[in-house]
């Protein structure tokens, strides 16, 4: 069928189908294609995979705002062959097959890795690295690792060259650089002198620290979306665990301080009660001195603890009889004339009691003050704990709000993209119908009305 016959069938195909007014899928609705020119060979494929695969590639070649198929400008790609681009298209658009895997040779994986790094297709870069692991030579590990920003490959290649037997050839030196070779010879010399004690990897990482740091920084910029999301989740989980650990530590510290303050308060109360008991007992002490005893030297003094009777004079004091040693025939009931009762240091005792009362009152006041301080401290700890819990809840609310905002933003973008695609399709259909002169252009007619008029 020639082109004239094919073009002649366009109106028939366009008029035989009426597009229903339905929502277009955000993933599996591809409205246009793109054409690439590589070494004089023209390729025409869907631009969709290039748009979602690399924002860098899409913006560089302006793939996001083209018209419908056949109207997009040709994108010319330099610095690669048609065969290399064909290999890359095989990974972007796998051929229909019953196999669940796509087979590539080592050379093809190297091509995919090179182009995916150059065009920022990070998912394909990661896939190529996984397939090339364990297949590269020592020099390839260094060269490809540098080009694809894989620092672990570079360090592995350096270590293999240091540990292998034999010299580093001139060709290898040309590939990796004379300065690198000189540094590797220094490390090999230290290893031969047993000066590294097996720490070759650390020595290499130190001597090539500038290069490795640069490669690591570039590697971070080439993470996949899945890796970025996973890292974000890991960071959020670490933050949550750390916050829970901090809140728990604050609560445990508050509980320990509360228990310590409670113990100190009880000890102070017991001490205050003991002081009161001692002072009360001292006020009830009565010294009873028998006739003929020496009260000065205290040899025969007996300290008897009795409640102090409420009496005004010594005559009103009831005194029990006291049996005198060596006087069995005497009357056992003595009177006030037979014994001498002395309230030793009565005036001094009053002053002492007053002083003790003051001390006890002071101790109680101090204990009360300390307890109040402990309660205030505990209240402060409880407030800090409450604030920590509130901060945690606020962080969770903020995270949830950001998630909802992101979902809303993505939904709005998807809706806008769908509207743009619908408008592009309508414009394309208008152009085709006007080209064939089916009816004069009427802006008020919808797509379905114009398609109906074609019948």
Protein backbone atom coordinates (compact mmCIF):
# COMPACT_ATOMS: atom_id res chain seq x y z
CA UNK A 1 0.00 0.00 0.00
CA UNK A 2 1.55 3.31 -1.02
CA UNK A 3 1.40 6.57 0.91
CA UNK A 4 -1.45 8.00 -1.15
CA UNK A 5 -3.64 5.00 -0.44
CA UNK A 6 -2.72 5.10 3.25
CA UNK A 7 -3.51 8.81 3.54
CA UNK A 8 -6.79 8.30 1.70
CA UNK A 9 -7.93 5.96 4.42
CA UNK A 10 -7.37 8.48 7.21
CA UNK A 11 -10.81 10.16 7.00
CA UNK A 12 -12.50 6.78 6.99
CA UNK A 13 -10.64 5.66 10.11
CA UNK A 14 -11.22 8.98 11.86
CA UNK A 15 -14.95 8.99 11.12
CA UNK A 16 -15.56 5.40 12.13
CA UNK A 17 -14.64 5.82 15.81
CA UNK A 18 -16.07 8.27 18.29
CA UNK A 19 -13.97 8.73 21.42
CA UNK A 20 -16.08 8.33 24.56
CA UNK A 21 -16.02 11.08 27.15
CA UNK A 22 -14.01 9.18 29.74
CA UNK A 23 -11.02 9.89 31.92
CA UNK A 24 -7.65 9.02 30.40
CA UNK A 25 -5.30 6.84 32.43
CA UNK A 26 -2.32 8.70 33.87
CA UNK A 27 0.13 5.86 33.12
CA UNK A 28 -1.09 3.83 30.15
CA UNK A 29 -2.37 6.56 27.86
CA UNK A 30 0.36 7.69 25.45
CA UNK A 31 -0.85 10.33 23.06
CA UNK A 32 2.24 11.04 20.97
CA UNK A 33 5.60 9.83 19.73
CA UNK A 34 9.04 11.33 19.31
CA UNK A 35 11.60 10.95 16.53
CA UNK A 36 15.34 10.59 17.13
CA UNK A 37 18.04 10.90 14.48
CA UNK A 38 21.24 8.96 15.23
CA UNK A 39 23.98 8.54 12.60
CA UNK A 40 21.51 9.10 9.79
CA UNK A 41 19.06 6.54 11.16
CA UNK A 42 15.61 7.79 12.17
CA UNK A 43 13.88 6.23 15.18
CA UNK A 44 10.25 6.87 16.15
CA UNK A 45 9.08 5.75 19.58
CA UNK A 46 6.77 6.83 22.36
CA UNK A 47 8.11 9.78 24.30
CA UNK A 48 6.34 8.62 27.46
CA UNK A 49 9.13 6.36 28.72
CA UNK A 50 11.70 9.07 28.19
CA UNK A 51 9.62 11.60 30.10
CA UNK A 52 9.04 9.38 33.14
CA UNK A 53 12.53 7.85 32.96
CA UNK A 54 14.58 11.04 33.14
CA UNK A 55 13.51 14.57 33.95
CA UNK A 56 16.93 15.74 32.77
CA UNK A 57 16.55 14.11 29.33
CA UNK A 58 12.96 15.31 28.94
CA UNK A 59 13.86 18.93 29.70
CA UNK A 60 17.08 18.90 27.67
CA UNK A 61 15.29 17.78 24.49
CA UNK A 62 11.94 19.45 25.29
CA UNK A 63 9.87 16.27 25.24
CA UNK A 64 7.18 17.45 27.64
CA UNK A 65 5.24 19.88 25.44
CA UNK A 66 5.24 18.51 21.90
CA UNK A 67 2.26 18.11 19.60
CA UNK A 68 0.70 14.86 18.44
CA UNK A 69 2.56 12.26 16.36
CA UNK A 70 4.07 13.44 13.10
CA UNK A 71 4.39 17.05 14.25
CA UNK A 72 7.25 16.80 16.78
CA UNK A 73 10.64 18.11 15.70
CA UNK A 74 13.33 15.53 15.18
CA UNK A 75 15.72 15.16 18.13
CA UNK A 76 19.28 14.68 16.94
CA UNK A 77 21.52 12.68 19.29
CA UNK A 78 25.28 12.97 18.94
CA UNK A 79 28.25 11.11 20.43
CA UNK A 80 26.74 7.66 20.00
CA UNK A 81 26.08 5.14 17.27
CA UNK A 82 22.77 3.88 15.98
CA UNK A 83 23.64 0.42 17.32
CA UNK A 84 24.24 1.82 20.81
CA UNK A 85 20.94 3.72 20.76
CA UNK A 86 19.20 0.57 19.56
CA UNK A 87 20.57 -1.30 22.60
CA UNK A 88 19.29 1.45 24.88
CA UNK A 89 15.85 1.30 23.26
CA UNK A 90 15.76 -2.42 24.00
CA UNK A 91 15.96 -1.70 27.74
CA UNK A 92 13.50 1.20 27.48
CA UNK A 93 11.02 -0.72 25.30
CA UNK A 94 11.47 -4.48 25.87
CA UNK A 95 10.22 -6.53 22.91
CA UNK A 96 7.10 -8.62 23.37
CA UNK A 97 8.17 -12.07 24.53
CA UNK A 98 7.02 -14.85 26.80
CA UNK A 99 10.31 -14.62 28.69
CA UNK A 100 10.36 -12.69 31.97
CA UNK A 101 13.95 -11.50 31.45
CA UNK A 102 15.79 -9.52 28.81
CA UNK A 103 19.24 -10.81 27.88
CA UNK A 104 22.15 -8.44 27.27
CA UNK A 105 25.84 -9.09 26.82
CA UNK A 106 28.50 -7.48 28.99
CA UNK A 107 29.28 -4.97 26.23
CA UNK A 108 25.58 -4.09 25.91
CA UNK A 109 25.26 -3.59 29.67
CA UNK A 110 28.27 -1.27 29.51
CA UNK A 111 26.52 0.69 26.76
CA UNK A 112 23.32 0.89 28.81
CA UNK A 113 25.33 2.05 31.82
CA UNK A 114 27.14 4.72 29.81
CA UNK A 115 23.97 6.17 28.26
CA UNK A 116 21.92 5.96 31.47
CA UNK A 117 24.63 7.90 33.33
CA UNK A 118 24.91 10.44 30.51
CA UNK A 119 21.13 10.97 30.28
CA UNK A 120 20.31 10.50 34.00
CA UNK A 121 18.19 7.36 33.73
CA UNK A 122 18.96 6.37 37.32
CA UNK A 123 16.86 3.17 37.38
CA UNK A 124 18.66 1.77 34.33
CA UNK A 125 22.02 2.82 35.83
CA UNK A 126 21.26 0.83 38.97
CA UNK A 127 20.11 -2.18 36.92
CA UNK A 128 23.27 -2.14 34.79
CA UNK A 129 25.51 -1.91 37.87
CA UNK A 130 23.78 -4.94 39.37
CA UNK A 131 24.33 -6.99 36.19
CA UNK A 132 27.97 -5.90 35.76
CA UNK A 133 28.98 -6.69 39.34
CA UNK A 134 31.62 -9.42 39.32
CA UNK A 135 32.25 -9.26 35.55
CA UNK A 136 34.74 -6.38 35.27
CA UNK A 137 38.53 -6.55 35.20
CA UNK A 138 40.69 -4.56 37.61
CA UNK A 139 41.24 -1.75 35.10
CA UNK A 140 37.54 -1.78 34.07
CA UNK A 141 36.52 -1.45 37.71
CA UNK A 142 38.56 1.75 37.93
CA UNK A 143 37.66 3.24 34.55
CA UNK A 144 33.96 2.34 34.54
CA UNK A 145 33.65 3.12 38.25
CA UNK A 146 34.98 6.61 37.63
CA UNK A 147 32.73 7.19 34.60
CA UNK A 148 29.58 5.79 36.26
CA UNK A 149 30.32 7.22 39.73
CA UNK A 150 30.61 3.90 41.56
CA UNK A 151 33.24 4.49 44.30
CA UNK A 152 33.21 0.90 45.57
CA UNK A 153 34.26 -0.34 42.12
CA UNK A 154 37.16 2.12 42.04
CA UNK A 155 38.43 1.12 45.49
CA UNK A 156 38.06 -2.56 44.61
CA UNK A 157 40.12 -2.07 41.44
CA UNK A 158 42.82 -0.22 43.37
CA UNK A 159 43.02 -2.97 45.98
CA UNK A 160 43.21 -5.72 43.35
CA UNK A 161 46.13 -3.97 41.63
CA UNK A 162 47.97 -3.61 44.93
CA UNK A 163 47.46 -7.21 46.00
CA UNK A 164 48.03 -8.97 42.69
CA UNK A 165 51.42 -10.34 41.70
CA UNK A 166 53.34 -8.70 38.90
CA UNK A 167 53.81 -5.14 37.77
CA UNK A 168 51.31 -2.59 36.55
CA UNK A 169 51.88 -2.42 32.81
CA UNK A 170 52.43 0.74 30.79
CA UNK A 171 49.09 0.25 29.03
CA UNK A 172 47.31 -0.03 32.38
CA UNK A 173 49.11 3.07 33.60
CA UNK A 174 47.91 4.95 30.53
CA UNK A 175 44.34 3.85 31.28
CA UNK A 176 44.23 4.85 34.96
CA UNK A 177 46.87 7.61 35.09
CA UNK A 178 50.50 7.77 36.20
CA UNK A 179 49.70 9.59 39.45
CA UNK A 180 47.33 6.80 40.43
CA UNK A 181 49.97 4.19 39.59
CA UNK A 182 52.58 5.97 41.74
CA UNK A 183 50.19 6.02 44.71
CA UNK A 184 49.42 2.33 44.25
CA UNK A 185 53.16 1.53 44.21
CA UNK A 186 53.54 3.38 47.54
CA UNK A 187 50.73 1.33 49.08
CA UNK A 188 52.20 -1.89 47.67
CA UNK A 189 55.61 -0.98 49.17
CA UNK A 190 54.03 -0.41 52.59
CA UNK A 191 52.21 -3.72 52.29
CA UNK A 192 55.46 -5.56 51.44
CA UNK A 193 57.12 -3.98 54.49
CA UNK A 194 54.25 -5.27 56.69
CA UNK A 195 53.51 -1.70 57.72
CA UNK A 196 49.78 -1.85 57.00
CA UNK A 197 48.80 -4.92 59.04
CA UNK A 198 45.98 -5.80 56.63
CA UNK A 199 44.50 -2.27 56.53
CA UNK A 200 45.00 -1.87 52.77
CA UNK A 201 41.44 -0.72 52.11
CA UNK A 202 41.68 2.01 54.75
CA UNK A 203 45.03 3.14 53.37
CA UNK A 204 43.63 3.36 49.85
CA UNK A 205 40.52 5.22 51.04
CA UNK A 206 42.78 7.74 52.80
CA UNK A 207 45.22 8.28 49.93
CA UNK A 208 42.41 8.60 47.36
CA UNK A 209 40.02 10.42 49.70
CA UNK A 210 39.46 13.42 47.39
CA UNK A 211 38.55 11.25 44.42
CA UNK A 212 36.33 8.92 46.46
CA UNK A 213 34.51 11.85 48.10
CA UNK A 214 33.76 13.34 44.68
CA UNK A 215 32.47 10.01 43.38
CA UNK A 216 30.29 9.51 46.47
CA UNK A 217 28.78 12.99 46.06
CA UNK A 218 27.93 12.26 42.42
CA UNK A 219 26.55 8.84 43.36
CA UNK A 220 24.13 10.46 45.81
CA UNK A 221 22.81 12.68 43.01
CA UNK A 222 22.05 9.56 40.95
CA UNK A 223 19.87 7.71 43.42
CA UNK A 224 16.62 6.24 42.15
CA UNK A 225 13.25 7.48 43.36
CA UNK A 226 12.80 4.23 45.28
CA UNK A 227 16.16 4.73 47.00
CA UNK A 228 15.30 8.32 47.90
CA UNK A 229 11.93 7.27 49.31
CA UNK A 230 13.54 4.43 51.25
CA UNK A 231 16.16 6.75 52.71
CA UNK A 232 13.49 9.29 53.65
CA UNK A 233 11.51 6.57 55.42
CA UNK A 234 14.65 5.40 57.20
CA UNK A 235 15.45 8.94 58.35
CA UNK A 236 11.87 9.43 59.53
CA UNK A 237 11.96 6.10 61.38
CA UNK A 238 15.26 7.04 63.03
CA UNK A 239 13.79 10.40 64.06
CA UNK A 240 10.70 8.72 65.49
CA UNK A 241 12.75 6.15 67.43
CA UNK A 242 15.06 8.87 68.75
CA UNK A 243 12.08 10.99 69.81
CA UNK A 244 10.50 8.02 71.60
CA UNK A 245 13.81 7.25 73.28
CA UNK A 246 14.14 10.86 74.43
CA UNK A 247 10.58 10.99 75.75
CA UNK A 248 11.13 7.70 77.58
CA UNK A 249 14.39 8.96 79.08
CA UNK A 250 12.70 12.15 80.28
CA UNK A 251 9.88 10.13 81.83
CA UNK A 252 12.29 7.74 83.55
CA UNK A 253 14.40 10.61 84.85
CA UNK A 254 11.29 12.35 86.16
CA UNK A 255 10.19 9.14 87.88
CA UNK A 256 13.62 8.63 89.46
CA UNK A 257 13.72 12.19 90.75
CA UNK A 258 10.18 11.89 92.06
CA UNK A 259 11.03 8.71 93.96
CA UNK A 260 14.23 10.27 95.30
CA UNK A 261 12.35 13.35 96.47
CA UNK A 262 9.71 11.14 98.06
CA UNK A 263 12.37 9.14 99.90
CA UNK A 264 14.10 12.32 101.10
CA UNK A 265 10.77 13.76 102.24
CA UNK A 266 9.95 10.63 104.24
CA UNK A 267 13.39 10.61 105.85
CA UNK A 268 12.99 14.26 106.84
CA UNK A 269 9.56 13.59 108.30
CA UNK A 270 10.94 10.65 110.30
CA UNK A 271 13.85 12.76 111.51
CA UNK A 272 11.51 15.58 112.52
CA UNK A 273 9.28 13.10 114.39
CA UNK A 274 12.33 11.66 116.16
CA UNK A 275 13.45 15.13 117.25
CA UNK A 276 9.98 15.87 118.57
CA UNK A 277 9.96 12.57 120.46
CA UNK A 278 13.35 13.28 122.01
CA UNK A 279 12.42 16.81 123.07
CA UNK A 280 9.09 15.64 124.46
CA UNK A 281 10.83 12.91 126.50
CA UNK A 282 13.43 15.34 127.78
CA UNK A 283 10.69 17.63 129.08
CA UNK A 284 9.18 14.75 131.11
CA UNK A 285 12.46 13.71 132.74
CA UNK A 286 12.42 13.91 136.60
CA UNK A 287 15.45 13.45 138.83
CA UNK A 288 14.71 11.75 142.19
CA UNK A 289 17.47 11.97 144.80
CA UNK A 290 17.47 9.86 147.96
CA UNK A 291 18.68 11.32 151.29
CA UNK A 292 22.34 10.76 151.93
CA UNK A 293 23.29 10.36 148.29
CA UNK A 294 25.73 12.60 146.56
CA UNK A 295 23.82 14.41 143.87
CA UNK A 296 26.93 16.26 142.84
CA UNK A 297 28.84 13.27 141.56
CA UNK A 298 25.72 11.52 140.27
CA UNK A 299 26.74 8.14 141.72
CA UNK A 300 23.32 7.22 143.05
CA UNK A 301 21.10 9.32 140.79
CA UNK A 302 18.17 7.60 139.15
CA UNK A 303 16.52 9.15 136.11
CA UNK A 304 12.89 8.15 136.11
CA UNK A 305 10.64 8.88 133.15
CA UNK A 306 7.16 9.90 134.36
CA UNK A 307 4.58 12.18 132.89
CA UNK A 308 4.94 15.58 134.50
CA UNK A 309 1.92 15.97 136.80
CA UNK A 310 -0.16 19.07 136.62
CA UNK A 311 0.65 20.48 140.10
CA UNK A 312 1.38 23.91 141.44
CA UNK A 313 3.48 23.03 144.51
CA UNK A 314 5.75 20.18 145.58
CA UNK A 315 3.33 19.37 148.44
CA UNK A 316 0.63 18.42 145.97
CA UNK A 317 2.95 15.95 144.21
CA UNK A 318 1.91 12.33 144.90
CA UNK A 319 5.05 10.29 145.70
CA UNK A 320 5.19 6.54 145.95
CA UNK A 321 7.17 4.96 148.75
CA UNK A 322 10.80 4.19 148.17
CA UNK A 323 12.41 1.25 150.00
CA UNK A 324 15.68 2.22 151.70
CA UNK A 325 18.56 -0.24 151.64
CA UNK A 326 19.50 -1.57 155.14
CA UNK A 327 16.29 -0.33 156.81
CA UNK A 328 13.87 -3.26 156.55
CA UNK A 329 11.93 -2.36 159.67
CA UNK A 330 11.13 1.14 158.66
CA UNK A 331 7.80 2.17 157.32
CA UNK A 332 7.65 1.44 153.61
CA UNK A 333 5.33 4.39 152.94
CA UNK A 334 7.48 7.48 153.07
CA UNK A 335 6.34 11.01 153.03
CA UNK A 336 7.71 14.13 151.41
CA UNK A 337 9.96 14.55 154.46
CA UNK A 338 11.71 11.17 153.81
CA UNK A 339 12.80 11.96 150.22
CA UNK A 340 14.10 14.96 148.45
CA UNK A 341 12.51 15.56 145.10
CA UNK A 342 14.25 17.96 142.85
CA UNK A 343 13.26 19.07 139.38
CA UNK A 344 16.85 19.42 138.31
CA UNK A 345 17.57 22.63 136.39
CA UNK A 346 13.93 23.57 136.05
CA UNK A 347 14.64 27.05 134.75
CA UNK A 348 17.37 25.78 132.44
CA UNK A 349 15.04 23.00 131.23
CA UNK A 350 12.51 25.57 130.11
CA UNK A 351 15.12 27.36 128.03
CA UNK A 352 16.32 24.07 126.54
CA UNK A 353 12.82 23.04 125.64
CA UNK A 354 12.24 26.37 124.01
CA UNK A 355 15.44 26.01 122.00
CA UNK A 356 14.56 22.46 120.99
CA UNK A 357 11.12 23.56 119.91
CA UNK A 358 12.68 26.25 117.77
CA UNK A 359 15.06 23.72 116.22
CA UNK A 360 12.22 21.30 115.56
CA UNK A 361 10.10 24.02 114.02
CA UNK A 362 13.02 25.06 111.85
CA UNK A 363 13.59 21.46 110.75
CA UNK A 364 9.93 21.04 109.89
CA UNK A 365 9.98 24.31 107.98
CA UNK A 366 13.07 23.21 106.05
CA UNK A 367 11.49 19.84 105.30
CA UNK A 368 8.33 21.54 104.10
CA UNK A 369 10.35 23.90 101.93
CA UNK A 370 12.35 21.03 100.44
CA UNK A 371 9.19 19.07 99.77
CA UNK A 372 7.69 22.09 98.02
CA UNK A 373 10.84 22.37 95.89
CA UNK A 374 10.63 18.68 95.04
CA UNK A 375 6.99 19.03 94.05
CA UNK A 376 7.85 22.05 91.90
CA UNK A 377 10.65 20.12 90.22
CA UNK A 378 8.37 17.17 89.59
CA UNK A 379 5.77 19.51 88.12
CA UNK A 380 8.45 20.97 85.85
CA UNK A 381 9.47 17.49 84.70
CA UNK A 382 5.85 16.61 84.01
CA UNK A 383 5.49 19.81 81.98
CA UNK A 384 8.61 18.95 79.95
CA UNK A 385 7.21 15.48 79.36
CA UNK A 386 3.91 16.97 78.22
CA UNK A 387 5.72 19.36 75.89
CA UNK A 388 7.75 16.49 74.44
CA UNK A 389 4.59 14.49 73.78
CA UNK A 390 2.99 17.56 72.19
CA UNK A 391 6.06 18.08 69.98
CA UNK A 392 5.87 14.45 68.88
CA UNK A 393 2.19 14.76 68.01
CA UNK A 394 2.86 18.02 66.16
CA UNK A 395 5.62 16.35 64.13
CA UNK A 396 3.27 13.51 63.23
CA UNK A 397 0.56 15.99 62.22
CA UNK A 398 3.08 17.91 60.11
CA UNK A 399 4.24 14.73 58.38
CA UNK A 400 0.65 13.72 57.64
CA UNK A 401 -0.12 17.22 56.31
CA UNK A 402 2.94 17.15 54.06
CA UNK A 403 1.91 13.74 52.75
CA UNK A 404 -1.61 14.95 51.97
CA UNK A 405 -0.25 18.13 50.34
CA UNK A 406 2.07 16.03 48.18
CA UNK A 407 -0.80 13.74 47.16
CA UNK A 408 -2.91 16.76 46.31
CA UNK A 409 -0.10 18.28 44.29
CA UNK A 410 0.44 15.05 42.36
CA UNK A 411 -3.28 14.73 41.71
CA UNK A 412 -3.40 18.32 40.45
CA UNK A 413 -0.42 17.69 38.17
CA UNK A 414 -1.99 14.51 36.84
CA UNK A 415 -5.27 16.31 36.20
CA UNK A 416 -3.47 19.17 34.44
CA UNK A 417 -1.51 16.69 32.31
CA UNK A 418 -4.73 14.91 31.37
CA UNK A 419 -6.34 18.22 30.41
CA UNK A 420 -3.34 19.15 28.27
CA UNK A 421 -3.41 15.75 26.55
CA UNK A 422 -7.14 16.09 25.90
CA UNK A 423 -6.64 19.57 24.44
CA UNK A 424 -3.76 18.37 22.26
CA UNK A 425 -5.86 15.50 20.95
CA UNK A 426 -8.76 17.81 20.17
CA UNK A 427 -6.49 20.21 18.30
CA UNK A 428 -4.97 17.34 16.34
CA UNK A 429 -8.40 16.04 15.33
CA UNK A 430 -9.50 19.54 14.29
CA UNK A 431 -6.42 19.89 12.13
CA UNK A 432 -7.01 16.57 10.39
CA UNK A 433 -10.70 17.27 9.72
CA UNK A 434 -10.02 20.77 8.44
CA UNK A 435 -7.21 19.46 6.26
CA UNK A 436 -9.60 17.13 4.47
CA UNK A 437 -12.26 19.82 4.23
CA UNK A 438 -14.97 17.72 5.78
CA UNK A 439 -16.64 20.85 7.16
CA UNK A 440 -15.61 24.44 7.83
CA UNK A 441 -13.98 25.13 11.18
CA UNK A 442 -16.56 25.89 13.86
CA UNK A 443 -15.15 26.39 17.32
CA UNK A 444 -18.51 25.74 18.95
CA UNK A 445 -18.61 22.12 17.73
CA UNK A 446 -17.27 19.45 20.04
CA UNK A 447 -15.13 16.51 18.93
CA UNK A 448 -18.09 14.12 19.00
CA UNK A 449 -20.25 16.53 16.96
CA UNK A 450 -17.57 16.96 14.34
CA UNK A 451 -16.94 13.24 14.15
CA UNK A 452 -20.70 12.69 13.76
CA UNK A 453 -20.85 15.19 10.91
CA UNK A 454 -18.10 13.21 9.14
CA UNK A 455 -20.45 10.28 8.85
